[in-house]
Amino acid sequence: MTKQNISKMIVVGSSCQGYKTAADYLTKTELGSAVMAFFPHINPHVIRDSLKQLGKPYEFIRKGVVISPGVFYIGASKKCEVTMIGDYASSSGLHRRFSVKDCGGKKQIKMHSRYMKDTIGEAFMEMYNLFEKNTVCVILRGAGWDGVDAAKYIKEHGGRVIIEDLPNGGMTNRAREIIHDAEIVSPEDIPKRLEEIISS
């Protein structure tokens, strides 16, 4: 699959309660020629189960996976330790890093993984390095700041940033503080907004 066939790369970062938005709303997005990649800090199987139920095409990100339009991709759950306390979760994170490379002059997109700590920030930047202004960062509720600085950089260099409109989340609150012109969108309205961006 060639790079030009992918109109938008939508990268989603979440932790704690953000996975609910990802599973309940974002998995319902009609991607068309775009791609969506989830990088959660908690067990991603909740997202997988939602995609299965909806009959949406999805793949876990593995070494050598070729990214294709219209497919949802999920960061694998290796080294993910989750502790549930009521409705909240704390996690050690996935400790993964993803790189995207053009291959053989055909601009095929492949992902290779290696372990590291800043999962979301690294994923955002790796995607931006290839897709540039066609990168859309979605920051969902989470306990930390992971991905926020990378999203700020991407917004300042022509990409888009959408922040989930929910209070009491470290990631979303921090994103609002430092990315002043990001779009703040309610969870249930994010898919519609993404579809508008994809079709524009």
N, C-alpha and C. Protein backbone atom coordinates (compact mmCIF):
# COMPACT_ATOMS: atom_id res chain seq x y z
N MET A 1 0.85 -1.19 0.00
CA MET A 1 0.00 0.00 0.00
C MET A 1 0.89 1.24 0.00
N THR A 2 0.61 2.17 -0.86
CA THR A 2 1.46 3.35 -0.95
C THR A 2 1.02 4.43 0.02
N LYS A 3 1.95 5.28 0.35
CA LYS A 3 1.70 6.33 1.32
C LYS A 3 0.58 7.26 0.89
N GLN A 4 0.54 7.61 -0.39
CA GLN A 4 -0.45 8.60 -0.84
C GLN A 4 -1.88 8.11 -0.75
N ASN A 5 -2.08 6.81 -0.58
CA ASN A 5 -3.43 6.28 -0.44
C ASN A 5 -4.00 6.50 0.96
N ILE A 6 -3.18 6.93 1.90
CA ILE A 6 -3.64 7.20 3.25
C ILE A 6 -3.78 8.71 3.40
N SER A 7 -5.02 9.16 3.57
CA SER A 7 -5.27 10.60 3.60
C SER A 7 -4.90 11.23 4.93
N LYS A 8 -5.16 10.54 6.03
CA LYS A 8 -4.87 11.06 7.36
C LYS A 8 -4.39 9.93 8.26
N MET A 9 -3.43 10.24 9.11
CA MET A 9 -3.02 9.31 10.16
C MET A 9 -3.53 9.87 11.47
N ILE A 10 -4.46 9.18 12.09
CA ILE A 10 -5.04 9.60 13.36
C ILE A 10 -4.40 8.77 14.47
N VAL A 11 -3.63 9.42 15.34
CA VAL A 11 -2.98 8.71 16.43
C VAL A 11 -3.67 9.09 17.73
N VAL A 12 -4.04 8.08 18.49
CA VAL A 12 -4.83 8.27 19.70
C VAL A 12 -4.02 7.83 20.91
N GLY A 13 -3.87 8.74 21.87
CA GLY A 13 -3.18 8.41 23.10
C GLY A 13 -4.14 8.48 24.27
N SER A 14 -4.10 7.46 25.15
CA SER A 14 -4.99 7.49 26.30
C SER A 14 -4.43 6.67 27.45
N SER A 15 -4.98 6.96 28.62
CA SER A 15 -4.69 6.20 29.83
C SER A 15 -5.93 6.30 30.70
N CYS A 16 -5.96 5.59 31.82
CA CYS A 16 -7.09 5.65 32.76
C CYS A 16 -8.43 5.57 32.03
N GLN A 17 -9.26 6.59 32.17
CA GLN A 17 -10.61 6.55 31.62
C GLN A 17 -10.66 6.77 30.11
N GLY A 18 -9.57 7.17 29.49
CA GLY A 18 -9.59 7.44 28.06
C GLY A 18 -9.97 6.24 27.22
N TYR A 19 -9.69 5.04 27.73
CA TYR A 19 -10.00 3.86 26.92
C TYR A 19 -11.50 3.73 26.68
N LYS A 20 -12.34 4.30 27.57
CA LYS A 20 -13.78 4.22 27.38
C LYS A 20 -14.20 5.01 26.14
N THR A 21 -13.65 6.20 25.98
CA THR A 21 -13.94 6.97 24.77
C THR A 21 -13.44 6.23 23.54
N ALA A 22 -12.25 5.66 23.63
CA ALA A 22 -11.69 4.93 22.50
C ALA A 22 -12.60 3.77 22.11
N ALA A 23 -13.04 3.00 23.09
CA ALA A 23 -13.86 1.82 22.80
C ALA A 23 -15.30 2.18 22.43
N ASP A 24 -15.87 3.14 23.15
CA ASP A 24 -17.29 3.45 22.96
C ASP A 24 -17.57 4.35 21.77
N TYR A 25 -16.59 5.18 21.40
CA TYR A 25 -16.85 6.17 20.35
C TYR A 25 -15.88 6.06 19.17
N LEU A 26 -14.57 6.12 19.45
CA LEU A 26 -13.61 6.24 18.35
C LEU A 26 -13.59 5.01 17.45
N THR A 27 -13.88 3.84 18.00
CA THR A 27 -13.91 2.64 17.16
C THR A 27 -15.05 2.68 16.14
N LYS A 28 -16.00 3.57 16.33
CA LYS A 28 -17.13 3.69 15.40
C LYS A 28 -16.85 4.67 14.26
N THR A 29 -15.70 5.32 14.27
CA THR A 29 -15.35 6.28 13.24
C THR A 29 -15.26 5.60 11.87
N GLU A 30 -15.85 6.25 10.87
CA GLU A 30 -15.71 5.75 9.49
C GLU A 30 -14.42 6.32 8.93
N LEU A 31 -13.42 5.48 8.73
CA LEU A 31 -12.09 5.95 8.37
C LEU A 31 -11.94 6.30 6.90
N GLY A 32 -12.65 5.62 6.02
CA GLY A 32 -12.44 5.86 4.59
C GLY A 32 -10.99 5.59 4.22
N SER A 33 -10.30 6.61 3.74
CA SER A 33 -8.91 6.46 3.31
C SER A 33 -7.91 6.76 4.42
N ALA A 34 -8.41 6.98 5.64
CA ALA A 34 -7.54 7.29 6.77
C ALA A 34 -7.21 6.03 7.55
N VAL A 35 -6.33 6.19 8.53
CA VAL A 35 -5.92 5.11 9.43
C VAL A 35 -6.03 5.65 10.85
N MET A 36 -6.40 4.80 11.80
CA MET A 36 -6.39 5.19 13.21
C MET A 36 -5.51 4.21 13.98
N ALA A 37 -4.62 4.75 14.81
CA ALA A 37 -3.73 3.92 15.61
C ALA A 37 -3.88 4.30 17.07
N PHE A 38 -4.22 3.33 17.91
CA PHE A 38 -4.40 3.54 19.35
C PHE A 38 -3.12 3.20 20.09
N PHE A 39 -2.72 4.08 21.00
CA PHE A 39 -1.58 3.82 21.86
C PHE A 39 -2.01 4.03 23.31
N PRO A 40 -2.66 3.04 23.91
CA PRO A 40 -3.14 3.20 25.28
C PRO A 40 -2.08 2.78 26.29
N HIS A 41 -2.20 3.33 27.50
CA HIS A 41 -1.32 2.93 28.59
C HIS A 41 -1.95 1.85 29.44
N ILE A 42 -3.13 1.39 29.03
CA ILE A 42 -3.77 0.29 29.74
C ILE A 42 -3.99 -0.84 28.74
N ASN A 43 -4.51 -1.93 29.25
CA ASN A 43 -4.73 -3.09 28.39
C ASN A 43 -5.58 -2.72 27.18
N PRO A 44 -5.09 -2.88 25.97
CA PRO A 44 -5.82 -2.44 24.78
C PRO A 44 -6.90 -3.39 24.31
N HIS A 45 -7.10 -4.50 25.04
CA HIS A 45 -8.07 -5.48 24.56
C HIS A 45 -9.51 -4.98 24.65
N VAL A 46 -9.76 -3.97 25.48
CA VAL A 46 -11.09 -3.36 25.51
C VAL A 46 -11.40 -2.74 24.16
N ILE A 47 -10.40 -2.08 23.56
CA ILE A 47 -10.55 -1.49 22.24
C ILE A 47 -10.72 -2.58 21.19
N ARG A 48 -9.91 -3.62 21.30
CA ARG A 48 -10.01 -4.74 20.36
C ARG A 48 -11.40 -5.36 20.39
N ASP A 49 -11.93 -5.57 21.59
CA ASP A 49 -13.25 -6.20 21.71
C ASP A 49 -14.33 -5.33 21.08
N SER A 50 -14.21 -4.01 21.22
CA SER A 50 -15.18 -3.11 20.60
C SER A 50 -15.10 -3.21 19.08
N LEU A 51 -13.89 -3.24 18.54
CA LEU A 51 -13.71 -3.36 17.09
C LEU A 51 -14.27 -4.68 16.58
N LYS A 52 -14.04 -5.75 17.33
CA LYS A 52 -14.58 -7.06 16.96
C LYS A 52 -16.11 -7.03 16.89
N GLN A 53 -16.70 -6.45 17.92
CA GLN A 53 -18.16 -6.39 18.00
C GLN A 53 -18.76 -5.60 16.85
N LEU A 54 -18.05 -4.54 16.44
CA LEU A 54 -18.53 -3.70 15.35
C LEU A 54 -18.19 -4.26 13.97
N GLY A 55 -17.36 -5.27 13.94
CA GLY A 55 -16.94 -5.84 12.66
C GLY A 55 -15.97 -4.95 11.90
N LYS A 56 -15.20 -4.13 12.62
CA LYS A 56 -14.25 -3.22 11.99
C LYS A 56 -12.92 -3.93 11.74
N PRO A 57 -12.24 -3.61 10.64
CA PRO A 57 -10.92 -4.21 10.39
C PRO A 57 -9.89 -3.65 11.36
N TYR A 58 -9.12 -4.54 11.98
CA TYR A 58 -8.10 -4.07 12.92
C TYR A 58 -6.91 -5.02 12.91
N GLU A 59 -5.79 -4.51 13.39
CA GLU A 59 -4.60 -5.33 13.57
C GLU A 59 -3.85 -4.81 14.79
N PHE A 60 -3.18 -5.71 15.48
CA PHE A 60 -2.23 -5.29 16.49
C PHE A 60 -0.95 -4.87 15.79
N ILE A 61 -0.27 -3.92 16.37
CA ILE A 61 0.98 -3.46 15.76
C ILE A 61 2.09 -4.45 16.11
N ARG A 62 2.60 -5.08 15.10
CA ARG A 62 3.69 -6.04 15.25
C ARG A 62 4.84 -5.62 14.35
N LYS A 63 5.95 -6.21 14.55
CA LYS A 63 7.11 -5.93 13.71
C LYS A 63 6.78 -6.28 12.26
N GLY A 64 6.98 -5.30 11.37
CA GLY A 64 6.80 -5.55 9.95
C GLY A 64 5.39 -5.36 9.43
N VAL A 65 4.46 -4.94 10.28
CA VAL A 65 3.08 -4.72 9.81
C VAL A 65 3.06 -3.58 8.79
N VAL A 66 2.38 -3.79 7.68
CA VAL A 66 2.21 -2.74 6.67
C VAL A 66 0.88 -2.04 6.94
N ILE A 67 0.93 -0.72 7.07
CA ILE A 67 -0.26 0.06 7.41
C ILE A 67 -1.09 0.31 6.15
N SER A 68 -2.39 -0.02 6.23
CA SER A 68 -3.29 0.11 5.09
C SER A 68 -4.46 1.03 5.43
N PRO A 69 -4.99 1.77 4.47
CA PRO A 69 -6.13 2.65 4.71
C PRO A 69 -7.35 1.90 5.23
N GLY A 70 -8.13 2.57 6.08
CA GLY A 70 -9.37 2.01 6.56
C GLY A 70 -9.25 1.01 7.69
N VAL A 71 -8.03 0.84 8.21
CA VAL A 71 -7.79 -0.16 9.26
C VAL A 71 -7.45 0.54 10.58
N PHE A 72 -7.95 -0.03 11.67
CA PHE A 72 -7.61 0.42 13.02
C PHE A 72 -6.42 -0.41 13.52
N TYR A 73 -5.44 0.25 14.12
CA TYR A 73 -4.27 -0.44 14.65
C TYR A 73 -4.19 -0.22 16.16
N ILE A 74 -3.75 -1.26 16.87
CA ILE A 74 -3.72 -1.22 18.32
C ILE A 74 -2.33 -1.58 18.81
N GLY A 75 -1.79 -0.75 19.70
CA GLY A 75 -0.50 -1.07 20.33
C GLY A 75 -0.65 -2.33 21.17
N ALA A 76 0.25 -3.27 21.02
CA ALA A 76 0.15 -4.54 21.71
C ALA A 76 0.36 -4.35 23.21
N SER A 77 -0.10 -5.33 23.99
CA SER A 77 -0.15 -5.18 25.44
C SER A 77 1.04 -5.80 26.16
N LYS A 78 2.14 -6.02 25.49
CA LYS A 78 3.31 -6.59 26.15
C LYS A 78 3.80 -5.65 27.26
N LYS A 79 4.20 -6.23 28.35
CA LYS A 79 4.72 -5.50 29.51
C LYS A 79 3.73 -4.48 30.06
N CYS A 80 2.45 -4.78 29.92
CA CYS A 80 1.42 -3.87 30.44
C CYS A 80 0.88 -4.45 31.74
N GLU A 81 1.07 -3.76 32.84
CA GLU A 81 0.57 -4.21 34.13
C GLU A 81 -0.50 -3.22 34.60
N VAL A 82 -1.72 -3.70 34.76
CA VAL A 82 -2.84 -2.82 35.08
C VAL A 82 -3.41 -3.18 36.45
N THR A 83 -3.61 -2.18 37.28
CA THR A 83 -4.25 -2.38 38.57
C THR A 83 -5.55 -1.59 38.58
N MET A 84 -6.67 -2.29 38.75
CA MET A 84 -7.97 -1.63 38.76
C MET A 84 -8.35 -1.25 40.19
N ILE A 85 -8.78 0.01 40.36
CA ILE A 85 -9.28 0.48 41.64
C ILE A 85 -10.62 1.15 41.35
N GLY A 86 -11.71 0.43 41.59
CA GLY A 86 -13.02 0.95 41.23
C GLY A 86 -13.11 1.13 39.73
N ASP A 87 -13.42 2.35 39.28
CA ASP A 87 -13.54 2.64 37.86
C ASP A 87 -12.23 3.14 37.25
N TYR A 88 -11.18 3.17 38.03
CA TYR A 88 -9.91 3.74 37.56
C TYR A 88 -8.85 2.65 37.42
N ALA A 89 -7.86 2.94 36.60
CA ALA A 89 -6.77 1.99 36.40
C ALA A 89 -5.44 2.70 36.47
N SER A 90 -4.47 2.05 37.06
CA SER A 90 -3.10 2.55 36.99
C SER A 90 -2.28 1.50 36.27
N SER A 91 -1.30 1.94 35.52
CA SER A 91 -0.58 1.01 34.66
C SER A 91 0.88 1.39 34.56
N SER A 92 1.70 0.38 34.34
CA SER A 92 3.13 0.61 34.11
C SER A 92 3.36 1.12 32.69
N GLY A 93 2.35 1.04 31.86
CA GLY A 93 2.51 1.45 30.46
C GLY A 93 2.99 0.30 29.60
N LEU A 94 2.98 0.50 28.30
CA LEU A 94 3.37 -0.55 27.37
C LEU A 94 4.87 -0.61 27.15
N HIS A 95 5.57 0.47 27.44
CA HIS A 95 7.02 0.52 27.24
C HIS A 95 7.41 0.11 25.83
N ARG A 96 6.76 0.73 24.85
CA ARG A 96 7.05 0.41 23.46
C ARG A 96 7.36 1.67 22.68
N ARG A 97 8.10 1.52 21.64
CA ARG A 97 8.37 2.62 20.72
C ARG A 97 8.13 2.11 19.31
N PHE A 98 7.64 3.00 18.46
CA PHE A 98 7.29 2.58 17.10
C PHE A 98 7.99 3.47 16.09
N SER A 99 8.56 2.88 15.12
CA SER A 99 9.18 3.65 14.04
C SER A 99 8.49 3.28 12.73
N VAL A 100 8.42 4.26 11.85
CA VAL A 100 7.76 4.06 10.56
C VAL A 100 8.76 4.38 9.46
N LYS A 101 8.88 3.49 8.49
CA LYS A 101 9.89 3.68 7.45
C LYS A 101 9.32 3.46 6.07
N ASP A 102 9.83 4.22 5.11
CA ASP A 102 9.53 3.94 3.71
C ASP A 102 10.38 2.74 3.28
N CYS A 103 9.84 1.92 2.40
CA CYS A 103 10.53 0.68 2.03
C CYS A 103 10.68 0.55 0.52
N GLY A 104 11.88 0.34 0.08
CA GLY A 104 12.14 -0.01 -1.32
C GLY A 104 11.69 1.01 -2.34
N GLY A 105 11.63 2.28 -1.97
CA GLY A 105 11.23 3.31 -2.90
C GLY A 105 9.74 3.35 -3.20
N LYS A 106 8.99 2.40 -2.65
CA LYS A 106 7.55 2.35 -2.89
C LYS A 106 6.76 3.05 -1.79
N LYS A 107 7.49 3.58 -0.81
CA LYS A 107 6.87 4.30 0.30
C LYS A 107 5.86 3.45 1.05
N GLN A 108 6.15 2.16 1.15
CA GLN A 108 5.31 1.33 2.01
C GLN A 108 5.59 1.72 3.45
N ILE A 109 4.57 1.57 4.29
CA ILE A 109 4.70 2.00 5.66
C ILE A 109 4.78 0.77 6.55
N LYS A 110 5.86 0.63 7.26
CA LYS A 110 6.00 -0.50 8.17
C LYS A 110 6.30 0.01 9.57
N MET A 111 5.84 -0.76 10.54
CA MET A 111 6.13 -0.43 11.92
C MET A 111 7.02 -1.49 12.52
N HIS A 112 7.99 -1.04 13.27
CA HIS A 112 8.85 -1.94 14.03
C HIS A 112 8.79 -1.46 15.47
N SER A 113 8.87 -2.35 16.40
CA SER A 113 8.71 -1.94 17.79
C SER A 113 9.97 -2.27 18.58
N ARG A 114 10.19 -1.45 19.61
CA ARG A 114 11.22 -1.73 20.60
C ARG A 114 10.74 -1.10 21.90
N TYR A 115 11.21 -1.61 23.00
CA TYR A 115 10.66 -1.17 24.28
C TYR A 115 11.24 0.18 24.70
N MET A 116 10.39 0.98 25.28
CA MET A 116 10.79 2.27 25.85
C MET A 116 9.66 2.76 26.72
N LYS A 117 9.80 3.94 27.33
CA LYS A 117 8.82 4.39 28.31
C LYS A 117 7.77 5.34 27.75
N ASP A 118 8.16 6.27 26.89
CA ASP A 118 7.25 7.33 26.47
C ASP A 118 6.44 6.89 25.25
N THR A 119 5.57 5.96 25.44
CA THR A 119 4.85 5.32 24.33
C THR A 119 4.14 6.32 23.44
N ILE A 120 3.29 7.14 24.02
CA ILE A 120 2.42 8.00 23.22
C ILE A 120 3.22 9.10 22.53
N GLY A 121 4.11 9.77 23.26
CA GLY A 121 4.90 10.83 22.66
C GLY A 121 5.74 10.34 21.50
N GLU A 122 6.39 9.21 21.67
CA GLU A 122 7.21 8.64 20.60
C GLU A 122 6.35 8.25 19.40
N ALA A 123 5.19 7.65 19.67
CA ALA A 123 4.31 7.24 18.58
C ALA A 123 3.83 8.45 17.80
N PHE A 124 3.43 9.52 18.50
CA PHE A 124 3.00 10.75 17.83
C PHE A 124 4.08 11.27 16.91
N MET A 125 5.31 11.35 17.40
CA MET A 125 6.40 11.92 16.61
C MET A 125 6.79 11.03 15.44
N GLU A 126 6.78 9.72 15.64
CA GLU A 126 7.11 8.82 14.54
C GLU A 126 6.10 8.96 13.41
N MET A 127 4.84 9.09 13.76
CA MET A 127 3.81 9.27 12.74
C MET A 127 3.98 10.61 12.04
N TYR A 128 4.24 11.65 12.82
CA TYR A 128 4.39 12.97 12.21
C TYR A 128 5.59 13.01 11.27
N ASN A 129 6.65 12.32 11.61
CA ASN A 129 7.84 12.31 10.75
C ASN A 129 7.52 11.81 9.35
N LEU A 130 6.51 10.96 9.22
CA LEU A 130 6.14 10.44 7.92
C LEU A 130 4.95 11.17 7.31
N PHE A 131 3.94 11.46 8.11
CA PHE A 131 2.70 12.02 7.57
C PHE A 131 2.62 13.54 7.66
N GLU A 132 3.46 14.15 8.45
CA GLU A 132 3.54 15.61 8.59
C GLU A 132 2.16 16.23 8.81
N LYS A 133 1.71 17.13 7.95
CA LYS A 133 0.47 17.87 8.17
C LYS A 133 -0.78 16.99 8.11
N ASN A 134 -0.64 15.78 7.66
CA ASN A 134 -1.78 14.86 7.63
C ASN A 134 -1.93 14.06 8.92
N THR A 135 -1.16 14.43 9.95
CA THR A 135 -1.23 13.77 11.24
C THR A 135 -2.27 14.45 12.13
N VAL A 136 -3.14 13.66 12.72
CA VAL A 136 -4.14 14.16 13.66
C VAL A 136 -3.93 13.46 15.00
N CYS A 137 -3.58 14.22 16.03
CA CYS A 137 -3.37 13.66 17.36
C CYS A 137 -4.65 13.80 18.18
N VAL A 138 -5.07 12.72 18.80
CA VAL A 138 -6.24 12.75 19.68
C VAL A 138 -5.77 12.39 21.08
N ILE A 139 -5.95 13.30 22.01
CA ILE A 139 -5.52 13.08 23.39
C ILE A 139 -6.75 12.82 24.25
N LEU A 140 -6.81 11.61 24.80
CA LEU A 140 -7.91 11.22 25.66
C LEU A 140 -7.48 11.29 27.12
N ARG A 141 -8.44 11.14 27.98
CA ARG A 141 -8.19 11.28 29.41
C ARG A 141 -7.14 10.30 29.90
N GLY A 142 -6.23 10.78 30.73
CA GLY A 142 -5.19 9.93 31.29
C GLY A 142 -4.56 10.59 32.49
N ALA A 143 -3.82 9.80 33.27
CA ALA A 143 -3.26 10.29 34.52
C ALA A 143 -1.97 11.08 34.33
N GLY A 144 -1.25 10.82 33.25
CA GLY A 144 0.05 11.47 33.07
C GLY A 144 0.00 12.56 32.02
N TRP A 145 1.19 12.95 31.55
CA TRP A 145 1.31 13.98 30.51
C TRP A 145 1.81 13.39 29.20
N ASP A 146 1.89 12.09 29.13
CA ASP A 146 2.50 11.42 27.99
C ASP A 146 1.85 11.83 26.68
N GLY A 147 2.66 12.28 25.73
CA GLY A 147 2.17 12.64 24.40
C GLY A 147 1.84 14.10 24.22
N VAL A 148 1.68 14.84 25.32
CA VAL A 148 1.22 16.23 25.23
C VAL A 148 2.26 17.12 24.56
N ASP A 149 3.52 17.00 24.96
CA ASP A 149 4.57 17.83 24.35
C ASP A 149 4.71 17.52 22.86
N ALA A 150 4.62 16.25 22.51
CA ALA A 150 4.71 15.86 21.10
C ALA A 150 3.53 16.42 20.32
N ALA A 151 2.33 16.36 20.90
CA ALA A 151 1.15 16.91 20.23
C ALA A 151 1.28 18.41 20.03
N LYS A 152 1.84 19.10 21.01
CA LYS A 152 2.06 20.55 20.89
C LYS A 152 2.99 20.84 19.72
N TYR A 153 4.07 20.08 19.63
CA TYR A 153 5.02 20.25 18.51
C TYR A 153 4.32 20.03 17.17
N ILE A 154 3.53 18.98 17.08
CA ILE A 154 2.84 18.65 15.84
C ILE A 154 1.85 19.74 15.46
N LYS A 155 1.12 20.25 16.44
CA LYS A 155 0.17 21.34 16.17
C LYS A 155 0.90 22.57 15.66
N GLU A 156 2.03 22.89 16.24
CA GLU A 156 2.81 24.06 15.83
C GLU A 156 3.44 23.90 14.46
N HIS A 157 3.51 22.67 13.96
CA HIS A 157 4.13 22.40 12.67
C HIS A 157 3.14 21.87 11.64
N GLY A 158 1.87 22.25 11.81
CA GLY A 158 0.90 22.01 10.74
C GLY A 158 -0.06 20.86 10.93
N GLY A 159 0.14 20.02 11.96
CA GLY A 159 -0.80 18.94 12.21
C GLY A 159 -2.00 19.43 13.00
N ARG A 160 -2.87 18.52 13.36
CA ARG A 160 -4.07 18.86 14.13
C ARG A 160 -4.03 18.15 15.48
N VAL A 161 -4.69 18.76 16.46
CA VAL A 161 -4.81 18.15 17.79
C VAL A 161 -6.25 18.28 18.26
N ILE A 162 -6.81 17.16 18.69
CA ILE A 162 -8.13 17.13 19.31
C ILE A 162 -7.96 16.63 20.74
N ILE A 163 -8.57 17.36 21.69
CA ILE A 163 -8.49 16.98 23.10
C ILE A 163 -9.89 16.61 23.58
N GLU A 164 -9.99 15.48 24.25
CA GLU A 164 -11.27 15.05 24.79
C GLU A 164 -11.75 16.04 25.84
N ASP A 165 -13.00 16.44 25.73
CA ASP A 165 -13.58 17.44 26.63
C ASP A 165 -14.13 16.76 27.89
N LEU A 166 -13.21 16.33 28.76
CA LEU A 166 -13.58 15.76 30.04
C LEU A 166 -12.66 16.33 31.11
N PRO A 167 -13.18 16.67 32.28
CA PRO A 167 -12.34 17.21 33.35
C PRO A 167 -11.56 16.12 34.07
N ASN A 168 -10.67 16.56 34.93
CA ASN A 168 -9.96 15.68 35.86
C ASN A 168 -9.13 14.60 35.18
N GLY A 169 -8.44 14.95 34.14
CA GLY A 169 -7.50 14.04 33.50
C GLY A 169 -6.18 14.75 33.31
N GLY A 170 -5.09 14.15 33.77
CA GLY A 170 -3.79 14.81 33.66
C GLY A 170 -3.41 15.12 32.23
N MET A 171 -3.63 14.17 31.32
CA MET A 171 -3.24 14.38 29.93
C MET A 171 -4.09 15.47 29.27
N THR A 172 -5.41 15.40 29.47
CA THR A 172 -6.28 16.39 28.83
C THR A 172 -6.10 17.77 29.45
N ASN A 173 -5.95 17.84 30.77
CA ASN A 173 -5.75 19.14 31.42
C ASN A 173 -4.45 19.78 30.98
N ARG A 174 -3.39 18.99 30.96
CA ARG A 174 -2.08 19.51 30.54
C ARG A 174 -2.13 19.95 29.08
N ALA A 175 -2.80 19.18 28.24
CA ALA A 175 -2.91 19.53 26.82
C ALA A 175 -3.63 20.86 26.65
N ARG A 176 -4.68 21.08 27.40
CA ARG A 176 -5.40 22.36 27.32
C ARG A 176 -4.51 23.52 27.73
N GLU A 177 -3.66 23.28 28.71
CA GLU A 177 -2.80 24.34 29.23
C GLU A 177 -1.77 24.81 28.20
N ILE A 178 -1.19 23.85 27.47
CA ILE A 178 -0.05 24.22 26.63
C ILE A 178 -0.36 24.24 25.14
N ILE A 179 -1.52 23.67 24.71
CA ILE A 179 -1.89 23.70 23.29
C ILE A 179 -3.13 24.57 23.19
N HIS A 180 -2.93 25.86 23.08
CA HIS A 180 -4.03 26.81 23.23
C HIS A 180 -5.02 26.78 22.07
N ASP A 181 -4.60 26.39 20.88
CA ASP A 181 -5.51 26.41 19.73
C ASP A 181 -5.93 25.01 19.30
N ALA A 182 -5.84 24.04 20.20
CA ALA A 182 -6.33 22.69 19.90
C ALA A 182 -7.85 22.69 19.93
N GLU A 183 -8.44 21.71 19.28
CA GLU A 183 -9.89 21.57 19.31
C GLU A 183 -10.29 20.77 20.55
N ILE A 184 -11.23 21.30 21.32
CA ILE A 184 -11.76 20.60 22.49
C ILE A 184 -13.12 20.03 22.09
N VAL A 185 -13.23 18.70 22.08
CA VAL A 185 -14.42 18.05 21.54
C VAL A 185 -14.95 17.04 22.55
N SER A 186 -16.26 17.01 22.73
CA SER A 186 -16.87 16.05 23.64
C SER A 186 -16.66 14.64 23.10
N PRO A 187 -16.57 13.65 24.00
CA PRO A 187 -16.25 12.28 23.56
C PRO A 187 -17.16 11.76 22.45
N GLU A 188 -18.45 11.98 22.59
CA GLU A 188 -19.39 11.43 21.61
C GLU A 188 -19.32 12.13 20.26
N ASP A 189 -18.72 13.33 20.22
CA ASP A 189 -18.64 14.09 18.97
C ASP A 189 -17.30 13.92 18.25
N ILE A 190 -16.34 13.26 18.89
CA ILE A 190 -15.02 13.12 18.26
C ILE A 190 -15.09 12.35 16.93
N PRO A 191 -15.81 11.23 16.83
CA PRO A 191 -15.86 10.53 15.54
C PRO A 191 -16.37 11.40 14.40
N LYS A 192 -17.44 12.15 14.65
CA LYS A 192 -17.98 13.03 13.60
C LYS A 192 -16.96 14.06 13.18
N ARG A 193 -16.26 14.64 14.16
CA ARG A 193 -15.24 15.65 13.82
C ARG A 193 -14.09 15.02 13.03
N LEU A 194 -13.69 13.84 13.40
CA LEU A 194 -12.63 13.15 12.66
C LEU A 194 -13.07 12.86 11.23
N GLU A 195 -14.30 12.43 11.06
CA GLU A 195 -14.80 12.16 9.71
C GLU A 195 -14.83 13.42 8.86
N GLU A 196 -15.14 14.56 9.48
CA GLU A 196 -15.10 15.83 8.75
C GLU A 196 -13.68 16.16 8.32
N ILE A 197 -12.73 15.91 9.20
CA ILE A 197 -11.31 16.18 8.87
C ILE A 197 -10.83 15.24 7.77
N ILE A 198 -11.23 13.97 7.85
CA ILE A 198 -10.82 12.98 6.85
C ILE A 198 -11.34 13.36 5.47
N SER A 199 -12.55 13.84 5.41
CA SER A 199 -13.17 14.14 4.12
C SER A 199 -12.79 15.52 3.57
N SER A 200 -12.12 16.33 4.37
CA SER A 200 -11.76 17.69 3.92
C SER A 200 -10.51 17.66 3.06
